[in-house]
Amino acid sequence: MAAGKPKEFQLVEFGPGRGIEAAEVSDGLTVSLLFPRVLKQLKSVVGESAVSVHLVEVSPKLSEVQAQSLTGEDSKAADNENDPVYRRGTTKTGHPVYWYRGMEDVPRGFSIYLAHEFFDALPIHKFQKTDKGWREILIDIDPEVANKLRFVLAPSATLASSTLLQADEEREHVEVCPEGGVLVQRLTNRISEDGGAALIADYGHAGDKTDTFRGFRGHKLHDVLVAPGTADLTADVDFRYLRRMTDERVLTFGPITQQQFLRNMGIDVRLQVLLRSCTDSSTRKQLVQGFDMMMNPEKMGERFKFVALVPHSRIAVQTRGKKAEQKGGAAPPVSGFSELGL
């Protein structure tokens, strides 16, 4: 609404995984059973827009799983492997959906970008401050133990340690994700020039954490240097670094905790509505347990963070709206991010 209800509306999601999140969130608002209900409620907002879904997924195999969830059998892989759109189809609600290997292949235009647990899986560089200056932490073969890897400090400055660190860095140990920085720069360019917004949801911090690199295997912590390729590797997202990468060309809101974000989105009211309409004791128990998992500070409530990127014009619209109200005029629609607490 703040963007003037553009005629074309792209929903772009990075790394949709196995399509479960995409089925609940993507396709403008959502694509499975929730989408018709939400679209009906917001028909006055998106009803006249040409809604399309664009998924950035590097794994063709995962794209098949996502396509099954989003389209059923209504998708097809490209005949030419060099085609930037390597798979396309139609969602179960009749909206076109496309798959790309990288963001650069996604068409320009007004878009809402979603990155849910995407940045934490991107590769990082690790650095340690020493008496001789910053040194990059590298991985080497342990000379004393067969088939074992170890962390070592680079004997001298590397290209990464000379270019990726901030001059005002006060931490002794730092993790930097340059690939994430480049992606945010590209998002910044698109949002500032084409409009739209980005919502990033991930494990992260505001530039205060140090060593967060870890591995998970079978939902349990796993040594990142043992059996490479068999565990999921992750590092908490440094949101302060991502904010720097925008160079203030867009507005950055957050990070705020998942607990605060969902509360601002009305999860408490939503839970009460669901409980009132549910008579099955087992389902009611699942609802309460799910709410606790998402909101409890000791669980996911404070570990997961949300950040939003919007054009500067969104705040300009809000400012003009307030002035119009003061003069007795009609105020234009404003950004919803203030209401969300972002």
C-alpha atoms as a PDB file:
ATOM      1  CA  MET A   1       0.000   0.000   0.000  1.00  0.00           C
ATOM      2  CA  ALA A   2       2.832   2.400   0.841  1.00  0.00           C
ATOM      3  CA  ALA A   3       4.317   1.686  -2.588  1.00  0.00           C
ATOM      4  CA  GLY A   4       1.091   2.669  -4.333  1.00  0.00           C
ATOM      5  CA  LYS A   5      -0.142  -0.861  -5.090  1.00  0.00           C
ATOM      6  CA  PRO A   6       2.256  -1.668  -7.978  1.00  0.00           C
ATOM      7  CA  LYS A   7       0.795  -3.551 -10.921  1.00  0.00           C
ATOM      8  CA  GLU A   8       3.483  -6.238 -10.660  1.00  0.00           C
ATOM      9  CA  PHE A   9       4.479  -7.804  -7.342  1.00  0.00           C
ATOM     10  CA  GLN A  10       7.379 -10.246  -7.084  1.00  0.00           C
ATOM     11  CA  LEU A  11       7.952 -12.413  -4.032  1.00  0.00           C
ATOM     12  CA  VAL A  12      11.628 -13.456  -4.020  1.00  0.00           C
ATOM     13  CA  GLU A  13      12.841 -16.061  -1.536  1.00  0.00           C
ATOM     14  CA  PHE A  14      16.441 -17.120  -0.971  1.00  0.00           C
ATOM     15  CA  GLY A  15      17.148 -20.775  -0.205  1.00  0.00           C
ATOM     16  CA  PRO A  16      13.579 -22.032   0.357  1.00  0.00           C
ATOM     17  CA  GLY A  17      14.901 -25.358   1.685  1.00  0.00           C
ATOM     18  CA  ARG A  18      12.488 -28.214   1.206  1.00  0.00           C
ATOM     19  CA  GLY A  19       9.591 -25.934   0.423  1.00  0.00           C
ATOM     20  CA  ILE A  20       7.874 -26.097   3.804  1.00  0.00           C
ATOM     21  CA  GLU A  21       8.540 -22.433   4.605  1.00  0.00           C
ATOM     22  CA  ALA A  22       7.844 -21.459   1.007  1.00  0.00           C
ATOM     23  CA  ALA A  23       4.498 -23.218   1.086  1.00  0.00           C
ATOM     24  CA  GLU A  24       3.539 -21.187   4.156  1.00  0.00           C
ATOM     25  CA  VAL A  25       5.049 -17.843   3.239  1.00  0.00           C
ATOM     26  CA  SER A  26       5.841 -17.469  -0.451  1.00  0.00           C
ATOM     27  CA  ASP A  27       3.639 -16.792  -3.477  1.00  0.00           C
ATOM     28  CA  GLY A  28       2.859 -13.209  -2.597  1.00  0.00           C
ATOM     29  CA  LEU A  29       1.779 -14.148   0.898  1.00  0.00           C
ATOM     30  CA  THR A  30       1.534 -17.915   0.980  1.00  0.00           C
ATOM     31  CA  VAL A  31       0.918 -20.627  -1.573  1.00  0.00           C
ATOM     32  CA  SER A  32      -0.707 -23.618   0.037  1.00  0.00           C
ATOM     33  CA  LEU A  33      -3.890 -23.822   2.072  1.00  0.00           C
ATOM     34  CA  LEU A  34      -3.255 -20.460   3.757  1.00  0.00           C
ATOM     35  CA  PHE A  35      -2.905 -18.462   0.536  1.00  0.00           C
ATOM     36  CA  PRO A  36      -6.555 -18.329  -0.629  1.00  0.00           C
ATOM     37  CA  ARG A  37      -7.687 -17.192   2.827  1.00  0.00           C
ATOM     38  CA  VAL A  38      -5.019 -14.508   3.163  1.00  0.00           C
ATOM     39  CA  LEU A  39      -5.495 -13.335  -0.422  1.00  0.00           C
ATOM     40  CA  LYS A  40      -9.225 -12.996   0.191  1.00  0.00           C
ATOM     41  CA  GLN A  41      -8.580 -10.893   3.284  1.00  0.00           C
ATOM     42  CA  LEU A  42      -6.114  -8.648   1.427  1.00  0.00           C
ATOM     43  CA  LYS A  43      -7.743  -8.682  -1.993  1.00  0.00           C
ATOM     44  CA  SER A  44      -8.094  -4.905  -1.960  1.00  0.00           C
ATOM     45  CA  VAL A  45      -4.305  -4.672  -1.562  1.00  0.00           C
ATOM     46  CA  VAL A  46      -2.921  -7.310  -3.934  1.00  0.00           C
ATOM     47  CA  GLY A  47      -6.004  -8.327  -5.897  1.00  0.00           C
ATOM     48  CA  GLU A  48      -5.127  -6.238  -8.962  1.00  0.00           C
ATOM     49  CA  SER A  49      -1.402  -7.001  -8.906  1.00  0.00           C
ATOM     50  CA  ALA A  50       0.269  -9.586 -11.112  1.00  0.00           C
ATOM     51  CA  VAL A  51       1.786 -11.751  -8.352  1.00  0.00           C
ATOM     52  CA  SER A  52       4.731 -14.006  -9.192  1.00  0.00           C
ATOM     53  CA  VAL A  53       7.135 -16.120  -7.114  1.00  0.00           C
ATOM     54  CA  HIS A  54      10.905 -16.239  -7.683  1.00  0.00           C
ATOM     55  CA  LEU A  55      13.046 -18.743  -5.777  1.00  0.00           C
ATOM     56  CA  VAL A  56      16.837 -18.491  -5.584  1.00  0.00           C
ATOM     57  CA  GLU A  57      18.011 -22.085  -5.111  1.00  0.00           C
ATOM     58  CA  VAL A  58      21.432 -23.436  -6.106  1.00  0.00           C
ATOM     59  CA  SER A  59      20.409 -27.093  -5.765  1.00  0.00           C
ATOM     60  CA  PRO A  60      18.400 -28.484  -8.712  1.00  0.00           C
ATOM     61  CA  LYS A  61      17.540 -31.494  -6.549  1.00  0.00           C
ATOM     62  CA  LEU A  62      16.003 -29.305  -3.844  1.00  0.00           C
ATOM     63  CA  SER A  63      14.137 -27.372  -6.525  1.00  0.00           C
ATOM     64  CA  GLU A  64      12.354 -30.612  -7.430  1.00  0.00           C
ATOM     65  CA  VAL A  65      11.242 -31.047  -3.812  1.00  0.00           C
ATOM     66  CA  GLN A  66      10.119 -27.412  -3.640  1.00  0.00           C
ATOM     67  CA  ALA A  67       8.247 -27.740  -6.953  1.00  0.00           C
ATOM     68  CA  GLN A  68       6.356 -30.758  -5.654  1.00  0.00           C
ATOM     69  CA  SER A  69       5.286 -28.788  -2.585  1.00  0.00           C
ATOM     70  CA  LEU A  70       4.387 -25.593  -4.435  1.00  0.00           C
ATOM     71  CA  THR A  71       3.052 -26.796  -7.777  1.00  0.00           C
ATOM     72  CA  GLY A  72       2.332 -30.511  -7.502  1.00  0.00           C
ATOM     73  CA  GLU A  73       3.155 -31.831 -10.978  1.00  0.00           C
ATOM     74  CA  ASP A  74       2.841 -28.454 -12.699  1.00  0.00           C
ATOM     75  CA  SER A  75       6.522 -27.566 -13.185  1.00  0.00           C
ATOM     76  CA  LYS A  76       9.180 -28.238 -15.787  1.00  0.00           C
ATOM     77  CA  ALA A  77      12.954 -28.024 -15.900  1.00  0.00           C
ATOM     78  CA  ALA A  78      14.530 -25.871 -18.627  1.00  0.00           C
ATOM     79  CA  ASP A  79      15.677 -27.631 -21.809  1.00  0.00           C
ATOM     80  CA  ASN A  80      18.890 -25.584 -21.864  1.00  0.00           C
ATOM     81  CA  GLU A  81      21.039 -25.955 -18.752  1.00  0.00           C
ATOM     82  CA  ASN A  82      22.371 -22.423 -19.310  1.00  0.00           C
ATOM     83  CA  ASP A  83      18.883 -20.917 -19.072  1.00  0.00           C
ATOM     84  CA  PRO A  84      18.884 -18.496 -16.087  1.00  0.00           C
ATOM     85  CA  VAL A  85      15.390 -19.815 -15.254  1.00  0.00           C
ATOM     86  CA  TYR A  86      16.264 -23.480 -14.793  1.00  0.00           C
ATOM     87  CA  ARG A  87      12.777 -24.511 -13.658  1.00  0.00           C
ATOM     88  CA  ARG A  88       9.339 -22.925 -13.935  1.00  0.00           C
ATOM     89  CA  GLY A  89       5.784 -23.815 -13.073  1.00  0.00           C
ATOM     90  CA  THR A  90       2.437 -22.661 -11.722  1.00  0.00           C
ATOM     91  CA  THR A  91       1.516 -22.770  -8.061  1.00  0.00           C
ATOM     92  CA  LYS A  92      -1.581 -24.528  -6.807  1.00  0.00           C
ATOM     93  CA  THR A  93      -3.203 -21.093  -6.562  1.00  0.00           C
ATOM     94  CA  GLY A  94      -2.454 -20.266 -10.210  1.00  0.00           C
ATOM     95  CA  HIS A  95       0.573 -17.985  -9.809  1.00  0.00           C
ATOM     96  CA  PRO A  96       3.777 -18.367 -11.885  1.00  0.00           C
ATOM     97  CA  VAL A  97       6.872 -19.547 -10.029  1.00  0.00           C
ATOM     98  CA  TYR A  98      10.472 -19.544 -11.277  1.00  0.00           C
ATOM     99  CA  TRP A  99      13.774 -20.981 -10.031  1.00  0.00           C
ATOM    100  CA  TYR A 100      17.194 -19.301 -10.373  1.00  0.00           C
ATOM    101  CA  ARG A 101      20.750 -20.120  -9.343  1.00  0.00           C
ATOM    102  CA  GLY A 102      21.530 -16.560  -8.264  1.00  0.00           C
ATOM    103  CA  MET A 103      19.878 -13.263  -7.461  1.00  0.00           C
ATOM    104  CA  GLU A 104      21.400 -11.614 -10.536  1.00  0.00           C
ATOM    105  CA  ASP A 105      19.081 -13.700 -12.724  1.00  0.00           C
ATOM    106  CA  VAL A 106      15.877 -12.573 -10.960  1.00  0.00           C
ATOM    107  CA  PRO A 107      14.044  -9.912 -13.032  1.00  0.00           C
ATOM    108  CA  ARG A 108      14.182  -6.326 -11.800  1.00  0.00           C
ATOM    109  CA  GLY A 109      11.012  -4.769 -10.444  1.00  0.00           C
ATOM    110  CA  PHE A 110       9.065  -4.111  -7.264  1.00  0.00           C
ATOM    111  CA  SER A 111       9.830  -7.091  -5.028  1.00  0.00           C
ATOM    112  CA  ILE A 112       9.531  -8.342  -1.493  1.00  0.00           C
ATOM    113  CA  TYR A 113      12.637 -10.351  -0.601  1.00  0.00           C
ATOM    114  CA  LEU A 114      12.642 -13.060   2.062  1.00  0.00           C
ATOM    115  CA  ALA A 115      15.766 -14.687   3.531  1.00  0.00           C
ATOM    116  CA  HIS A 116      14.849 -17.175   6.236  1.00  0.00           C
ATOM    117  CA  GLU A 117      17.845 -19.035   7.713  1.00  0.00           C
ATOM    118  CA  PHE A 118      19.825 -18.236   4.572  1.00  0.00           C
ATOM    119  CA  PHE A 119      22.676 -15.930   5.609  1.00  0.00           C
ATOM    120  CA  ASP A 120      23.803 -18.208   8.464  1.00  0.00           C
ATOM    121  CA  ALA A 121      24.662 -20.954   5.950  1.00  0.00           C
ATOM    122  CA  LEU A 122      26.939 -18.759   3.796  1.00  0.00           C
ATOM    123  CA  PRO A 123      30.729 -19.243   4.096  1.00  0.00           C
ATOM    124  CA  ILE A 124      32.728 -17.066   6.485  1.00  0.00           C
ATOM    125  CA  HIS A 125      36.289 -15.915   7.114  1.00  0.00           C
ATOM    126  CA  LYS A 126      37.563 -16.092  10.711  1.00  0.00           C
ATOM    127  CA  PHE A 127      40.130 -13.684  12.131  1.00  0.00           C
ATOM    128  CA  GLN A 128      42.092 -13.453  15.377  1.00  0.00           C
ATOM    129  CA  LYS A 129      43.788 -10.342  16.750  1.00  0.00           C
ATOM    130  CA  THR A 130      47.454 -10.990  17.675  1.00  0.00           C
ATOM    131  CA  ASP A 131      50.460  -8.949  18.806  1.00  0.00           C
ATOM    132  CA  LYS A 132      51.448  -8.724  15.124  1.00  0.00           C
ATOM    133  CA  GLY A 133      48.021  -7.593  13.965  1.00  0.00           C
ATOM    134  CA  TRP A 134      45.029  -9.424  12.551  1.00  0.00           C
ATOM    135  CA  ARG A 135      45.636 -12.972  11.330  1.00  0.00           C
ATOM    136  CA  GLU A 136      43.215 -15.166   9.413  1.00  0.00           C
ATOM    137  CA  ILE A 137      42.293 -18.547  10.915  1.00  0.00           C
ATOM    138  CA  LEU A 138      42.833 -21.282   8.345  1.00  0.00           C
ATOM    139  CA  ILE A 139      42.272 -25.039   8.189  1.00  0.00           C
ATOM    140  CA  ASP A 140      45.276 -27.337   7.875  1.00  0.00           C
ATOM    141  CA  ILE A 141      46.108 -31.035   8.052  1.00  0.00           C
ATOM    142  CA  ASP A 142      47.321 -32.117  11.485  1.00  0.00           C
ATOM    143  CA  PRO A 143      50.885 -33.432  10.936  1.00  0.00           C
ATOM    144  CA  GLU A 144      50.778 -35.596  14.065  1.00  0.00           C
ATOM    145  CA  VAL A 145      47.396 -37.313  13.614  1.00  0.00           C
ATOM    146  CA  ALA A 146      46.393 -39.110  10.423  1.00  0.00           C
ATOM    147  CA  ASN A 147      43.231 -37.918   8.652  1.00  0.00           C
ATOM    148  CA  LYS A 148      42.668 -35.098  11.112  1.00  0.00           C
ATOM    149  CA  LEU A 149      42.132 -31.417  10.410  1.00  0.00           C
ATOM    150  CA  ARG A 150      43.050 -28.487  12.657  1.00  0.00           C
ATOM    151  CA  PHE A 151      42.712 -24.727  12.867  1.00  0.00           C
ATOM    152  CA  VAL A 152      45.895 -22.667  12.416  1.00  0.00           C
ATOM    153  CA  LEU A 153      46.750 -18.978  12.312  1.00  0.00           C
ATOM    154  CA  ALA A 154      48.095 -17.610   9.040  1.00  0.00           C
ATOM    155  CA  PRO A 155      51.779 -16.707   9.538  1.00  0.00           C
ATOM    156  CA  SER A 156      51.250 -13.307   7.921  1.00  0.00           C
ATOM    157  CA  ALA A 157      48.474 -11.067   6.719  1.00  0.00           C
ATOM    158  CA  THR A 158      46.233 -12.494   4.003  1.00  0.00           C
ATOM    159  CA  LEU A 159      44.180 -10.684   1.377  1.00  0.00           C
ATOM    160  CA  ALA A 160      41.072 -11.327   3.482  1.00  0.00           C
ATOM    161  CA  SER A 161      42.573 -10.020   6.738  1.00  0.00           C
ATOM    162  CA  SER A 162      43.824  -6.940   4.905  1.00  0.00           C
ATOM    163  CA  THR A 163      40.512  -6.034   3.256  1.00  0.00           C
ATOM    164  CA  LEU A 164      37.521  -7.431   5.162  1.00  0.00           C
ATOM    165  CA  LEU A 165      38.025  -6.050   8.672  1.00  0.00           C
ATOM    166  CA  GLN A 166      36.703  -2.705   9.876  1.00  0.00           C
ATOM    167  CA  ALA A 167      39.199  -0.142  11.193  1.00  0.00           C
ATOM    168  CA  ASP A 168      37.149   0.401  14.363  1.00  0.00           C
ATOM    169  CA  GLU A 169      36.809  -3.314  15.198  1.00  0.00           C
ATOM    170  CA  GLU A 170      37.217  -3.854  18.953  1.00  0.00           C
ATOM    171  CA  ARG A 171      36.619  -7.599  19.225  1.00  0.00           C
ATOM    172  CA  GLU A 172      39.546 -10.010  19.527  1.00  0.00           C
ATOM    173  CA  HIS A 173      37.941 -12.653  17.307  1.00  0.00           C
ATOM    174  CA  VAL A 174      35.776 -11.826  14.273  1.00  0.00           C
ATOM    175  CA  GLU A 175      33.792 -13.735  11.658  1.00  0.00           C
ATOM    176  CA  VAL A 176      33.062 -11.997   8.344  1.00  0.00           C
ATOM    177  CA  CYS A 177      30.749 -13.220   5.583  1.00  0.00           C
ATOM    178  CA  PRO A 178      31.694 -11.289   2.418  1.00  0.00           C
ATOM    179  CA  GLU A 179      29.186 -13.233   0.314  1.00  0.00           C
ATOM    180  CA  GLY A 180      26.434 -12.039   2.640  1.00  0.00           C
ATOM    181  CA  GLY A 181      27.744  -8.496   2.339  1.00  0.00           C
ATOM    182  CA  VAL A 182      27.630  -8.637  -1.466  1.00  0.00           C
ATOM    183  CA  LEU A 183      24.065  -9.970  -1.365  1.00  0.00           C
ATOM    184  CA  VAL A 184      22.962  -7.117   0.907  1.00  0.00           C
ATOM    185  CA  GLN A 185      24.604  -4.620  -1.454  1.00  0.00           C
ATOM    186  CA  ARG A 186      22.629  -6.095  -4.348  1.00  0.00           C
ATOM    187  CA  LEU A 187      19.430  -6.005  -2.313  1.00  0.00           C
ATOM    188  CA  THR A 188      20.170  -2.390  -1.440  1.00  0.00           C
ATOM    189  CA  ASN A 189      20.622  -1.473  -5.101  1.00  0.00           C
ATOM    190  CA  ARG A 190      17.353  -3.109  -6.123  1.00  0.00           C
ATOM    191  CA  ILE A 191      15.245  -1.792  -3.258  1.00  0.00           C
ATOM    192  CA  SER A 192      16.549   1.770  -3.622  1.00  0.00           C
ATOM    193  CA  GLU A 193      15.981   1.773  -7.398  1.00  0.00           C
ATOM    194  CA  ASP A 194      12.941  -0.504  -7.892  1.00  0.00           C
ATOM    195  CA  GLY A 195      11.145  -0.278  -4.546  1.00  0.00           C
ATOM    196  CA  GLY A 196      10.025  -3.106  -2.313  1.00  0.00           C
ATOM    197  CA  ALA A 197      11.520  -4.395   0.904  1.00  0.00           C
ATOM    198  CA  ALA A 198      13.589  -7.226   2.364  1.00  0.00           C
ATOM    199  CA  LEU A 199      12.960  -9.242   5.509  1.00  0.00           C
ATOM    200  CA  ILE A 200      15.892 -11.230   6.908  1.00  0.00           C
ATOM    201  CA  ALA A 201      15.231 -13.759   9.674  1.00  0.00           C
ATOM    202  CA  ASP A 202      18.183 -15.656  11.111  1.00  0.00           C
ATOM    203  CA  TYR A 203      20.352 -16.578  14.059  1.00  0.00           C
ATOM    204  CA  GLY A 204      22.452 -13.497  14.583  1.00  0.00           C
ATOM    205  CA  HIS A 205      23.781 -10.633  16.685  1.00  0.00           C
ATOM    206  CA  ALA A 206      24.434  -6.904  16.524  1.00  0.00           C
ATOM    207  CA  GLY A 207      28.201  -7.157  16.100  1.00  0.00           C
ATOM    208  CA  ASP A 208      29.042  -8.261  19.630  1.00  0.00           C
ATOM    209  CA  LYS A 209      29.619 -12.033  19.292  1.00  0.00           C
ATOM    210  CA  THR A 210      32.916 -13.658  18.361  1.00  0.00           C
ATOM    211  CA  ASP A 211      33.307 -17.404  17.726  1.00  0.00           C
ATOM    212  CA  THR A 212      29.929 -18.757  16.566  1.00  0.00           C
ATOM    213  CA  PHE A 213      31.054 -21.189  13.832  1.00  0.00           C
ATOM    214  CA  ARG A 214      29.597 -24.622  14.584  1.00  0.00           C
ATOM    215  CA  GLY A 215      28.252 -27.784  13.007  1.00  0.00           C
ATOM    216  CA  PHE A 216      25.084 -29.819  13.460  1.00  0.00           C
ATOM    217  CA  ARG A 217      24.512 -33.438  12.594  1.00  0.00           C
ATOM    218  CA  GLY A 218      21.298 -35.212  13.473  1.00  0.00           C
ATOM    219  CA  HIS A 219      20.161 -32.074  15.368  1.00  0.00           C
ATOM    220  CA  LYS A 220      23.185 -32.345  17.656  1.00  0.00           C
ATOM    221  CA  LEU A 221      26.360 -30.262  17.854  1.00  0.00           C
ATOM    222  CA  HIS A 222      29.105 -31.715  15.689  1.00  0.00           C
ATOM    223  CA  ASP A 223      32.822 -30.871  15.386  1.00  0.00           C
ATOM    224  CA  VAL A 224      33.120 -28.805  12.193  1.00  0.00           C
ATOM    225  CA  LEU A 225      36.462 -30.441  11.322  1.00  0.00           C
ATOM    226  CA  VAL A 226      35.270 -34.049  11.667  1.00  0.00           C
ATOM    227  CA  ALA A 227      33.861 -35.888   8.633  1.00  0.00           C
ATOM    228  CA  PRO A 228      33.604 -32.840   6.351  1.00  0.00           C
ATOM    229  CA  GLY A 229      30.503 -32.799   4.193  1.00  0.00           C
ATOM    230  CA  THR A 230      28.354 -34.834   6.588  1.00  0.00           C
ATOM    231  CA  ALA A 231      27.158 -31.989   8.859  1.00  0.00           C
ATOM    232  CA  ASP A 232      25.367 -28.670   8.454  1.00  0.00           C
ATOM    233  CA  LEU A 233      27.746 -25.770   9.109  1.00  0.00           C
ATOM    234  CA  THR A 234      26.500 -22.435  10.384  1.00  0.00           C
ATOM    235  CA  ALA A 235      27.688 -19.134  11.860  1.00  0.00           C
ATOM    236  CA  ASP A 236      25.540 -16.466  13.490  1.00  0.00           C
ATOM    237  CA  VAL A 237      24.822 -13.514  11.212  1.00  0.00           C
ATOM    238  CA  ASP A 238      26.614 -10.264  12.069  1.00  0.00           C
ATOM    239  CA  PHE A 239      23.774  -7.824  11.428  1.00  0.00           C
ATOM    240  CA  ARG A 240      25.978  -4.808  12.170  1.00  0.00           C
ATOM    241  CA  TYR A 241      28.215  -5.849   9.273  1.00  0.00           C
ATOM    242  CA  LEU A 242      25.211  -6.271   6.963  1.00  0.00           C
ATOM    243  CA  ARG A 243      23.928  -2.836   7.998  1.00  0.00           C
ATOM    244  CA  ARG A 244      27.299  -1.323   7.061  1.00  0.00           C
ATOM    245  CA  MET A 245      27.047  -2.940   3.626  1.00  0.00           C
ATOM    246  CA  THR A 246      23.920  -0.919   2.829  1.00  0.00           C
ATOM    247  CA  ASP A 247      25.993   2.274   3.054  1.00  0.00           C
ATOM    248  CA  GLU A 248      22.768   3.896   4.330  1.00  0.00           C
ATOM    249  CA  ARG A 249      21.252   3.776   0.829  1.00  0.00           C
ATOM    250  CA  VAL A 250      18.206   2.084   2.370  1.00  0.00           C
ATOM    251  CA  LEU A 251      16.706   2.180   5.833  1.00  0.00           C
ATOM    252  CA  THR A 252      17.632  -0.715   8.095  1.00  0.00           C
ATOM    253  CA  PHE A 253      15.320  -1.701  10.962  1.00  0.00           C
ATOM    254  CA  GLY A 254      16.404  -4.180  13.618  1.00  0.00           C
ATOM    255  CA  PRO A 255      17.687  -6.595  14.574  1.00  0.00           C
ATOM    256  CA  ILE A 256      14.854  -7.365  16.966  1.00  0.00           C
ATOM    257  CA  THR A 257      14.153 -10.714  18.584  1.00  0.00           C
ATOM    258  CA  GLN A 258      11.694 -13.220  17.199  1.00  0.00           C
ATOM    259  CA  GLN A 259       9.679 -12.828  20.386  1.00  0.00           C
ATOM    260  CA  GLN A 260       9.284  -9.092  19.827  1.00  0.00           C
ATOM    261  CA  PHE A 261       8.626  -9.434  16.103  1.00  0.00           C
ATOM    262  CA  LEU A 262       5.923 -12.084  16.464  1.00  0.00           C
ATOM    263  CA  ARG A 263       4.329 -10.236  19.367  1.00  0.00           C
ATOM    264  CA  ASN A 264       4.148  -7.080  17.255  1.00  0.00           C
ATOM    265  CA  MET A 265       2.602  -9.206  14.490  1.00  0.00           C
ATOM    266  CA  GLY A 266      -0.161 -10.308  16.874  1.00  0.00           C
ATOM    267  CA  ILE A 267       0.837 -13.874  17.747  1.00  0.00           C
ATOM    268  CA  ASP A 268      -0.792 -13.644  21.207  1.00  0.00           C
ATOM    269  CA  VAL A 269      -4.162 -12.770  19.703  1.00  0.00           C
ATOM    270  CA  ARG A 270      -3.694 -15.401  17.003  1.00  0.00           C
ATOM    271  CA  LEU A 271      -3.040 -18.109  19.603  1.00  0.00           C
ATOM    272  CA  GLN A 272      -6.200 -17.201  21.535  1.00  0.00           C
ATOM    273  CA  VAL A 273      -8.292 -17.294  18.350  1.00  0.00           C
ATOM    274  CA  LEU A 274      -6.932 -20.732  17.472  1.00  0.00           C
ATOM    275  CA  LEU A 275      -7.479 -22.073  20.979  1.00  0.00           C
ATOM    276  CA  ARG A 276     -11.063 -20.830  21.071  1.00  0.00           C
ATOM    277  CA  SER A 277     -11.856 -22.588  17.811  1.00  0.00           C
ATOM    278  CA  CYS A 278     -10.064 -25.832  18.750  1.00  0.00           C
ATOM    279  CA  THR A 279     -11.739 -28.530  20.817  1.00  0.00           C
ATOM    280  CA  ASP A 280      -9.165 -31.305  20.405  1.00  0.00           C
ATOM    281  CA  SER A 281      -6.963 -31.467  23.516  1.00  0.00           C
ATOM    282  CA  SER A 282      -3.978 -32.867  21.606  1.00  0.00           C
ATOM    283  CA  THR A 283      -4.067 -30.053  19.033  1.00  0.00           C
ATOM    284  CA  ARG A 284      -4.465 -27.437  21.774  1.00  0.00           C
ATOM    285  CA  LYS A 285      -1.391 -28.862  23.505  1.00  0.00           C
ATOM    286  CA  GLN A 286       0.603 -28.666  20.250  1.00  0.00           C
ATOM    287  CA  LEU A 287      -0.443 -25.043  19.752  1.00  0.00           C
ATOM    288  CA  VAL A 288       0.691 -24.065  23.240  1.00  0.00           C
ATOM    289  CA  GLN A 289       3.963 -25.975  22.894  1.00  0.00           C
ATOM    290  CA  GLY A 290       4.642 -24.400  19.494  1.00  0.00           C
ATOM    291  CA  PHE A 291       3.939 -20.954  20.903  1.00  0.00           C
ATOM    292  CA  ASP A 292       6.360 -21.619  23.756  1.00  0.00           C
ATOM    293  CA  MET A 293       9.082 -22.843  21.382  1.00  0.00           C
ATOM    294  CA  MET A 294       8.834 -19.681  19.259  1.00  0.00           C
ATOM    295  CA  MET A 295       8.396 -17.147  22.059  1.00  0.00           C
ATOM    296  CA  ASN A 296      10.305 -18.462  25.086  1.00  0.00           C
ATOM    297  CA  PRO A 297      13.558 -16.467  25.528  1.00  0.00           C
ATOM    298  CA  GLU A 298      15.286 -19.680  26.607  1.00  0.00           C
ATOM    299  CA  LYS A 299      14.319 -21.358  23.317  1.00  0.00           C
ATOM    300  CA  MET A 300      13.792 -19.545  19.993  1.00  0.00           C
ATOM    301  CA  GLY A 301      12.350 -16.299  21.366  1.00  0.00           C
ATOM    302  CA  GLU A 302      15.646 -14.425  21.589  1.00  0.00           C
ATOM    303  CA  ARG A 303      18.023 -16.552  19.538  1.00  0.00           C
ATOM    304  CA  PHE A 304      16.302 -15.736  16.256  1.00  0.00           C
ATOM    305  CA  LYS A 305      16.452 -12.136  14.963  1.00  0.00           C
ATOM    306  CA  PHE A 306      14.613 -10.111  12.308  1.00  0.00           C
ATOM    307  CA  VAL A 307      15.951  -7.267  10.141  1.00  0.00           C
ATOM    308  CA  ALA A 308      14.116  -5.259   7.481  1.00  0.00           C
ATOM    309  CA  LEU A 309      15.408  -3.138   4.595  1.00  0.00           C
ATOM    310  CA  VAL A 310      13.108  -0.515   3.033  1.00  0.00           C
ATOM    311  CA  PRO A 311      13.610   2.505   0.747  1.00  0.00           C
ATOM    312  CA  HIS A 312      14.094   5.929   2.309  1.00  0.00           C
ATOM    313  CA  SER A 313      10.900   6.980   0.528  1.00  0.00           C
ATOM    314  CA  ARG A 314       8.847   4.839   2.923  1.00  0.00           C
ATOM    315  CA  ILE A 315       9.726   7.138   5.802  1.00  0.00           C
ATOM    316  CA  ALA A 316       9.258  10.182   3.573  1.00  0.00           C
ATOM    317  CA  VAL A 317       5.711   8.998   2.873  1.00  0.00           C
ATOM    318  CA  GLN A 318       5.088   8.541   6.583  1.00  0.00           C
ATOM    319  CA  THR A 319       6.423  12.024   7.350  1.00  0.00           C
ATOM    320  CA  ARG A 320       4.242  13.599   4.653  1.00  0.00           C
ATOM    321  CA  GLY A 321       1.265  11.682   6.027  1.00  0.00           C
ATOM    322  CA  LYS A 322       1.762  13.097   9.505  1.00  0.00           C
ATOM    323  CA  LYS A 323       2.063  16.639   8.124  1.00  0.00           C
ATOM    324  CA  ALA A 324      -1.119  16.162   6.105  1.00  0.00           C
ATOM    325  CA  GLU A 325      -2.943  14.981   9.210  1.00  0.00           C
ATOM    326  CA  GLN A 326      -1.742  18.034  11.136  1.00  0.00           C
ATOM    327  CA  LYS A 327      -3.133  20.291   8.390  1.00  0.00           C
ATOM    328  CA  GLY A 328      -6.417  18.445   8.366  1.00  0.00           C
ATOM    329  CA  GLY A 329      -5.794  16.729   5.045  1.00  0.00           C
ATOM    330  CA  ALA A 330      -6.043  13.046   4.155  1.00  0.00           C
ATOM    331  CA  ALA A 331      -2.867  11.116   4.929  1.00  0.00           C
ATOM    332  CA  PRO A 332      -1.457   8.668   2.341  1.00  0.00           C
ATOM    333  CA  PRO A 333      -0.808   5.047   3.319  1.00  0.00           C
ATOM    334  CA  VAL A 334       2.341   4.599   5.390  1.00  0.00           C
ATOM    335  CA  SER A 335       4.809   1.818   5.923  1.00  0.00           C
ATOM    336  CA  GLY A 336       3.714  -0.950   8.225  1.00  0.00           C
ATOM    337  CA  PHE A 337       7.172  -1.425   9.711  1.00  0.00           C
ATOM    338  CA  SER A 338       6.546   1.031  12.544  1.00  0.00           C
ATOM    339  CA  GLU A 339       3.500  -1.011  13.525  1.00  0.00           C
ATOM    340  CA  LEU A 340       5.602  -4.175  13.388  1.00  0.00           C
ATOM    341  CA  GLY A 341       8.103  -2.678  15.807  1.00  0.00           C
ATOM    342  CA  LEU A 342      10.890  -2.761  13.218  1.00  0.00           C
END
